[in-house]
Structure formats: structure tokens, C-alpha cells
């Protein structure tokens, strides 16, 4: 079901930010791919959870 929806395979996965999210936008490196991420402003080192996909961007939130 995620064959042509690559971002969907990351939903509910936890990652650590290696770049901050500023003004609601950031970048996340997953394996060999860089992803644009959308979410609340967060600093480097914060744990995030992917909650969805918006076009070619991953939607994230702070992991509680």
C-alpha cells in the first residue's frame, strides 16, 4: 500500500532532529534521503514523530 507513497512508510516512526524546525519548516535526513518537514518550531536533538504526509513533506510533532 505504500509502494508509490514513500513518505507514508514513515508515519508513526520516531526520529531525532539533526536540524532545527524554524517558522514551521525544517529538514530531516532519513537513511539516504533528505525530507522537508512541517511542524512546530523545535531545536536540534528533539525527538519527533511523523504524523502524516503533505505532498512531498512529512508532517511531524514533538514526541511526548
N, C-alpha and C. Protein backbone atom coordinates (compact mmCIF):
# COMPACT_ATOMS: atom_id res chain seq x y z
N UNK A 1 0.80 -1.22 0.00
CA UNK A 1 0.00 0.00 0.00
C UNK A 1 0.84 1.28 0.00
N UNK A 2 2.12 1.19 0.38
CA UNK A 2 2.96 2.40 0.40
C UNK A 2 3.95 2.43 -0.76
N UNK A 3 3.76 1.58 -1.75
CA UNK A 3 4.71 1.47 -2.85
C UNK A 3 5.01 2.81 -3.51
N UNK A 4 4.00 3.55 -3.91
CA UNK A 4 4.22 4.83 -4.56
C UNK A 4 3.97 6.01 -3.62
N UNK A 5 3.94 5.74 -2.35
CA UNK A 5 3.73 6.76 -1.32
C UNK A 5 4.85 6.62 -0.30
N UNK A 6 6.06 6.90 -0.73
CA UNK A 6 7.24 6.64 0.09
C UNK A 6 7.17 7.27 1.48
N UNK A 7 6.67 8.50 1.56
CA UNK A 7 6.59 9.18 2.85
C UNK A 7 5.68 8.47 3.83
N UNK A 8 4.67 7.80 3.33
CA UNK A 8 3.70 7.12 4.21
C UNK A 8 4.34 6.03 5.06
N UNK A 9 5.44 5.46 4.59
CA UNK A 9 6.09 4.40 5.37
C UNK A 9 6.73 4.92 6.65
N UNK A 10 6.86 6.25 6.77
CA UNK A 10 7.48 6.83 7.96
C UNK A 10 6.47 7.25 9.03
N UNK A 11 5.18 7.17 8.73
CA UNK A 11 4.16 7.58 9.69
C UNK A 11 4.28 6.73 10.96
N UNK A 12 4.25 7.41 12.10
CA UNK A 12 4.38 6.83 13.45
C UNK A 12 5.81 6.47 13.83
N UNK A 13 6.77 6.73 12.97
CA UNK A 13 8.17 6.49 13.33
C UNK A 13 8.73 7.68 14.10
N UNK A 14 9.69 7.42 14.96
CA UNK A 14 10.33 8.43 15.79
C UNK A 14 11.72 8.72 15.23
N UNK A 15 12.06 10.01 15.16
CA UNK A 15 13.37 10.44 14.69
C UNK A 15 13.90 11.53 15.61
N UNK A 16 15.19 11.79 15.53
CA UNK A 16 15.82 12.88 16.26
C UNK A 16 16.21 13.95 15.27
N UNK A 17 15.84 15.19 15.54
CA UNK A 17 16.16 16.29 14.64
C UNK A 17 17.67 16.54 14.59
N UNK A 18 18.22 16.62 13.39
CA UNK A 18 19.62 17.00 13.23
C UNK A 18 19.73 18.41 12.69
N UNK A 19 18.59 19.02 12.39
CA UNK A 19 18.48 20.43 12.03
C UNK A 19 17.21 20.95 12.72
N UNK A 20 17.20 22.22 13.14
CA UNK A 20 16.01 22.73 13.83
C UNK A 20 14.82 22.93 12.88
N UNK A 21 13.63 22.96 13.44
CA UNK A 21 12.44 23.38 12.70
C UNK A 21 12.24 24.85 13.04
N UNK A 22 12.28 25.70 12.03
CA UNK A 22 12.15 27.15 12.22
C UNK A 22 11.02 27.66 11.35
N UNK A 23 10.16 28.48 11.93
CA UNK A 23 8.99 29.01 11.22
C UNK A 23 8.14 27.89 10.62
N UNK A 24 8.11 26.75 11.34
CA UNK A 24 7.26 25.64 10.95
C UNK A 24 7.81 24.72 9.88
N UNK A 25 9.06 24.98 9.43
CA UNK A 25 9.64 24.18 8.35
C UNK A 25 11.06 23.76 8.71
N UNK A 26 11.42 22.54 8.34
CA UNK A 26 12.78 22.07 8.58
C UNK A 26 13.15 20.99 7.60
N UNK A 27 14.28 20.35 7.85
CA UNK A 27 14.76 19.25 7.02
C UNK A 27 15.11 18.08 7.93
N UNK A 28 14.87 16.88 7.45
CA UNK A 28 15.18 15.67 8.20
C UNK A 28 15.86 14.68 7.26
N UNK A 29 16.96 14.13 7.71
CA UNK A 29 17.67 13.12 6.94
C UNK A 29 17.20 11.75 7.43
N UNK A 30 16.65 10.95 6.51
CA UNK A 30 16.22 9.59 6.82
C UNK A 30 16.93 8.67 5.84
N UNK A 31 17.81 7.82 6.38
CA UNK A 31 18.64 6.94 5.56
C UNK A 31 19.43 7.79 4.56
N UNK A 32 19.19 7.62 3.28
CA UNK A 32 19.95 8.39 2.28
C UNK A 32 19.12 9.50 1.63
N UNK A 33 18.00 9.86 2.25
CA UNK A 33 17.10 10.84 1.66
C UNK A 33 16.86 12.02 2.62
N UNK A 34 16.88 13.22 2.07
CA UNK A 34 16.52 14.40 2.84
C UNK A 34 15.06 14.72 2.62
N UNK A 35 14.33 14.96 3.71
CA UNK A 35 12.90 15.27 3.64
C UNK A 35 12.64 16.66 4.17
N UNK A 36 11.71 17.36 3.55
CA UNK A 36 11.20 18.61 4.09
C UNK A 36 10.20 18.20 5.16
N UNK A 37 10.25 18.86 6.32
CA UNK A 37 9.31 18.54 7.39
C UNK A 37 8.55 19.79 7.81
N UNK A 38 7.32 19.57 8.23
CA UNK A 38 6.43 20.64 8.68
C UNK A 38 5.99 20.31 10.09
N UNK A 39 6.13 21.27 10.99
CA UNK A 39 5.72 21.04 12.37
C UNK A 39 6.04 22.23 13.24
N UNK A 40 5.90 22.07 14.55
CA UNK A 40 6.19 23.17 15.47
C UNK A 40 7.69 23.46 15.51
N UNK A 41 8.04 24.69 15.81
CA UNK A 41 9.46 25.05 15.93
C UNK A 41 10.08 24.24 17.06
N UNK A 42 11.17 23.53 16.72
CA UNK A 42 11.85 22.68 17.69
C UNK A 42 13.36 22.76 17.47
N UNK A 43 14.15 22.58 18.53
CA UNK A 43 15.60 22.64 18.40
C UNK A 43 16.22 21.32 17.94
N UNK A 44 17.48 21.39 17.55
CA UNK A 44 18.26 20.19 17.21
C UNK A 44 18.27 19.25 18.42
N UNK A 45 18.17 17.96 18.16
CA UNK A 45 18.21 16.96 19.23
C UNK A 45 16.85 16.56 19.76
N UNK A 46 15.82 17.29 19.39
CA UNK A 46 14.46 16.98 19.87
C UNK A 46 13.95 15.72 19.17
N UNK A 47 13.23 14.88 19.90
CA UNK A 47 12.60 13.69 19.33
C UNK A 47 11.27 14.09 18.70
N UNK A 48 11.04 13.61 17.48
CA UNK A 48 9.79 13.91 16.78
C UNK A 48 9.15 12.62 16.28
N UNK A 49 7.85 12.71 16.05
CA UNK A 49 7.09 11.59 15.49
C UNK A 49 6.43 12.07 14.22
N UNK A 50 6.53 11.27 13.16
CA UNK A 50 5.87 11.60 11.89
C UNK A 50 4.40 11.25 12.02
N UNK A 51 3.54 12.25 11.73
CA UNK A 51 2.09 12.03 11.87
C UNK A 51 1.36 11.98 10.54
N UNK A 52 2.03 12.40 9.46
CA UNK A 52 1.37 12.39 8.16
C UNK A 52 2.28 12.87 7.06
N UNK A 53 1.71 12.99 5.88
CA UNK A 53 2.43 13.45 4.70
C UNK A 53 1.59 14.53 4.05
N UNK A 54 2.24 15.64 3.67
CA UNK A 54 1.58 16.74 2.98
C UNK A 54 2.35 16.99 1.69
N UNK A 55 1.87 16.41 0.60
CA UNK A 55 2.60 16.50 -0.67
C UNK A 55 3.92 15.74 -0.56
N UNK A 56 5.03 16.48 -0.64
CA UNK A 56 6.35 15.84 -0.51
C UNK A 56 6.99 16.12 0.84
N UNK A 57 6.23 16.64 1.78
CA UNK A 57 6.75 16.95 3.12
C UNK A 57 6.16 15.99 4.15
N UNK A 58 6.98 15.69 5.15
CA UNK A 58 6.49 14.90 6.28
C UNK A 58 5.96 15.85 7.35
N UNK A 59 4.82 15.54 7.91
CA UNK A 59 4.23 16.34 8.98
C UNK A 59 4.66 15.69 10.29
N UNK A 60 5.23 16.50 11.20
CA UNK A 60 5.77 15.95 12.44
C UNK A 60 5.23 16.69 13.67
N UNK A 61 5.38 16.04 14.81
CA UNK A 61 5.05 16.67 16.09
C UNK A 61 6.11 16.24 17.09
N UNK A 62 6.21 16.99 18.17
CA UNK A 62 7.13 16.65 19.24
C UNK A 62 6.69 15.34 19.88
N UNK A 63 7.63 14.44 20.08
CA UNK A 63 7.29 13.18 20.76
C UNK A 63 7.12 13.47 22.23
N UNK A 64 6.00 13.06 22.76
CA UNK A 64 5.69 13.29 24.19
C UNK A 64 6.23 12.17 25.03
